[in-house]
Amino acid sequence: MGPEQAGMTMRIVGEAAAKRRGVDVPAEVFEAKEREVTELLDRQADAFYVSGRGIDDGVIDPRDTRSVLGFVLATAAEAEQLAPRPVSFGVARM
């Protein structure tokens, strides 16, 4: 879901909740909240924002794409050659 769609969805949910409760909320309040949600999600959509918070595995320098891709493909090919062994130990709990 994109930022605009998320903002609109939150607006629809808020309007429905207010209507259900019988509360008359000015349209400007919903417009402001929709704008706030959209702006927040726009700021958080940057790759460096996400990587900086450890949400993904990081950003690859475009100059390193070829070597990183080669490493990943070699790792996947190596994994296909390994035979899985059954687990020979119990469950470890921390």
C-alpha atoms as a PDB file:
ATOM      1  CA  MET A   1       0.000   0.000   0.000  1.00  0.00           C
ATOM      2  CA  GLY A   2       1.391   3.383  -0.968  1.00  0.00           C
ATOM      3  CA  PRO A   3       1.449   6.435   1.292  1.00  0.00           C
ATOM      4  CA  GLU A   4      -1.515   8.121  -0.409  1.00  0.00           C
ATOM      5  CA  GLN A   5      -3.638   4.978  -0.233  1.00  0.00           C
ATOM      6  CA  ALA A   6      -2.716   4.458   3.429  1.00  0.00           C
ATOM      7  CA  GLY A   7      -3.652   8.060   4.242  1.00  0.00           C
ATOM      8  CA  MET A   8      -6.986   7.702   2.457  1.00  0.00           C
ATOM      9  CA  THR A   9      -7.669   4.385   4.202  1.00  0.00           C
ATOM     10  CA  MET A  10      -6.971   5.920   7.606  1.00  0.00           C
ATOM     11  CA  ARG A  11      -9.312   8.780   6.722  1.00  0.00           C
ATOM     12  CA  ILE A  12     -12.100   6.396   5.724  1.00  0.00           C
ATOM     13  CA  VAL A  13     -11.645   4.382   8.920  1.00  0.00           C
ATOM     14  CA  GLY A  14     -11.663   7.553  11.040  1.00  0.00           C
ATOM     15  CA  GLU A  15     -14.774   8.908   9.361  1.00  0.00           C
ATOM     16  CA  ALA A  16     -16.585   5.588   9.796  1.00  0.00           C
ATOM     17  CA  ALA A  17     -15.591   5.416  13.475  1.00  0.00           C
ATOM     18  CA  ALA A  18     -16.806   8.978  14.102  1.00  0.00           C
ATOM     19  CA  LYS A  19     -20.078   8.272  12.310  1.00  0.00           C
ATOM     20  CA  ARG A  20     -20.556   5.057  14.281  1.00  0.00           C
ATOM     21  CA  ARG A  21     -20.034   6.939  17.564  1.00  0.00           C
ATOM     22  CA  GLY A  22     -22.312   9.742  16.425  1.00  0.00           C
ATOM     23  CA  VAL A  23     -19.567  12.354  16.727  1.00  0.00           C
ATOM     24  CA  ASP A  24     -19.489  15.228  14.258  1.00  0.00           C
ATOM     25  CA  VAL A  25     -15.841  15.799  13.332  1.00  0.00           C
ATOM     26  CA  PRO A  26     -14.934  18.600  10.897  1.00  0.00           C
ATOM     27  CA  ALA A  27     -13.565  17.454   7.528  1.00  0.00           C
ATOM     28  CA  GLU A  28     -10.416  19.528   8.143  1.00  0.00           C
ATOM     29  CA  VAL A  29      -9.421  17.178  10.976  1.00  0.00           C
ATOM     30  CA  PHE A  30      -9.584  14.163   8.679  1.00  0.00           C
ATOM     31  CA  GLU A  31      -7.756  16.012   5.902  1.00  0.00           C
ATOM     32  CA  ALA A  32      -4.963  16.978   8.302  1.00  0.00           C
ATOM     33  CA  LYS A  33      -4.640  13.405   9.603  1.00  0.00           C
ATOM     34  CA  GLU A  34      -4.601  12.019   6.042  1.00  0.00           C
ATOM     35  CA  ARG A  35      -1.857  14.491   5.100  1.00  0.00           C
ATOM     36  CA  GLU A  36       0.109  13.611   8.267  1.00  0.00           C
ATOM     37  CA  VAL A  37      -0.014   9.857   7.546  1.00  0.00           C
ATOM     38  CA  THR A  38       0.948  10.385   3.902  1.00  0.00           C
ATOM     39  CA  GLU A  39       3.924  12.605   4.796  1.00  0.00           C
ATOM     40  CA  LEU A  40       5.125  10.192   7.493  1.00  0.00           C
ATOM     41  CA  LEU A  41       5.057   7.217   5.134  1.00  0.00           C
ATOM     42  CA  ASP A  42       6.722   9.252   2.374  1.00  0.00           C
ATOM     43  CA  ARG A  43       9.624  10.027   4.724  1.00  0.00           C
ATOM     44  CA  GLN A  44       9.925   6.363   5.742  1.00  0.00           C
ATOM     45  CA  ALA A  45       9.927   5.063   2.145  1.00  0.00           C
ATOM     46  CA  ASP A  46      13.600   5.910   1.585  1.00  0.00           C
ATOM     47  CA  ALA A  47      15.980   2.934   1.289  1.00  0.00           C
ATOM     48  CA  PHE A  48      18.509   4.562   3.625  1.00  0.00           C
ATOM     49  CA  TYR A  49      15.806   5.191   6.250  1.00  0.00           C
ATOM     50  CA  VAL A  50      14.810   1.518   6.238  1.00  0.00           C
ATOM     51  CA  SER A  51      18.389   0.198   6.219  1.00  0.00           C
ATOM     52  CA  GLY A  52      19.450   2.617   8.923  1.00  0.00           C
ATOM     53  CA  ARG A  53      16.923   1.072  11.270  1.00  0.00           C
ATOM     54  CA  GLY A  54      17.903  -2.514  10.472  1.00  0.00           C
ATOM     55  CA  ILE A  55      14.576  -3.352   8.858  1.00  0.00           C
ATOM     56  CA  ASP A  56      16.269  -4.859   5.799  1.00  0.00           C
ATOM     57  CA  ASP A  57      19.713  -6.271   5.019  1.00  0.00           C
ATOM     58  CA  GLY A  58      21.180  -2.983   3.826  1.00  0.00           C
ATOM     59  CA  VAL A  59      21.880  -1.046   0.681  1.00  0.00           C
ATOM     60  CA  ILE A  60      24.390  -2.331  -1.862  1.00  0.00           C
ATOM     61  CA  ASP A  61      26.698   0.227  -3.412  1.00  0.00           C
ATOM     62  CA  PRO A  62      25.813   0.120  -7.125  1.00  0.00           C
ATOM     63  CA  ARG A  63      29.509  -0.372  -7.929  1.00  0.00           C
ATOM     64  CA  ASP A  64      29.479  -3.613  -5.892  1.00  0.00           C
ATOM     65  CA  THR A  65      26.328  -5.103  -7.435  1.00  0.00           C
ATOM     66  CA  ARG A  66      28.178  -7.547  -9.685  1.00  0.00           C
ATOM     67  CA  SER A  67      30.368  -8.980  -6.898  1.00  0.00           C
ATOM     68  CA  VAL A  68      27.494  -9.171  -4.391  1.00  0.00           C
ATOM     69  CA  LEU A  69      25.246 -10.885  -6.921  1.00  0.00           C
ATOM     70  CA  GLY A  70      28.034 -13.352  -7.771  1.00  0.00           C
ATOM     71  CA  PHE A  71      28.546 -14.130  -4.079  1.00  0.00           C
ATOM     72  CA  VAL A  72      24.835 -14.705  -3.509  1.00  0.00           C
ATOM     73  CA  LEU A  73      24.503 -16.977  -6.552  1.00  0.00           C
ATOM     74  CA  ALA A  74      27.596 -18.960  -5.504  1.00  0.00           C
ATOM     75  CA  THR A  75      26.154 -19.364  -2.015  1.00  0.00           C
ATOM     76  CA  ALA A  76      22.846 -20.601  -3.435  1.00  0.00           C
ATOM     77  CA  ALA A  77      24.644 -23.068  -5.734  1.00  0.00           C
ATOM     78  CA  GLU A  78      26.729 -24.344  -2.812  1.00  0.00           C
ATOM     79  CA  ALA A  79      23.597 -24.834  -0.709  1.00  0.00           C
ATOM     80  CA  GLU A  80      22.097 -27.061  -3.411  1.00  0.00           C
ATOM     81  CA  GLN A  81      25.118 -29.366  -3.135  1.00  0.00           C
ATOM     82  CA  LEU A  82      24.729 -29.902   0.608  1.00  0.00           C
ATOM     83  CA  ALA A  83      22.608 -32.732   1.937  1.00  0.00           C
ATOM     84  CA  PRO A  84      20.490 -31.782   4.922  1.00  0.00           C
ATOM     85  CA  ARG A  85      21.257 -33.758   8.073  1.00  0.00           C
ATOM     86  CA  PRO A  86      18.628 -34.590  10.654  1.00  0.00           C
ATOM     87  CA  VAL A  87      18.703 -32.613  13.858  1.00  0.00           C
ATOM     88  CA  SER A  88      20.577 -34.616  16.487  1.00  0.00           C
ATOM     89  CA  PHE A  89      19.970 -32.371  19.477  1.00  0.00           C
ATOM     90  CA  GLY A  90      17.012 -31.232  21.502  1.00  0.00           C
ATOM     91  CA  VAL A  91      15.345 -27.873  21.504  1.00  0.00           C
ATOM     92  CA  ALA A  92      17.481 -25.122  22.970  1.00  0.00           C
ATOM     93  CA  ARG A  93      15.602 -22.425  24.847  1.00  0.00           C
ATOM     94  CA  MET A  94      17.030 -19.147  26.023  1.00  0.00           C
END
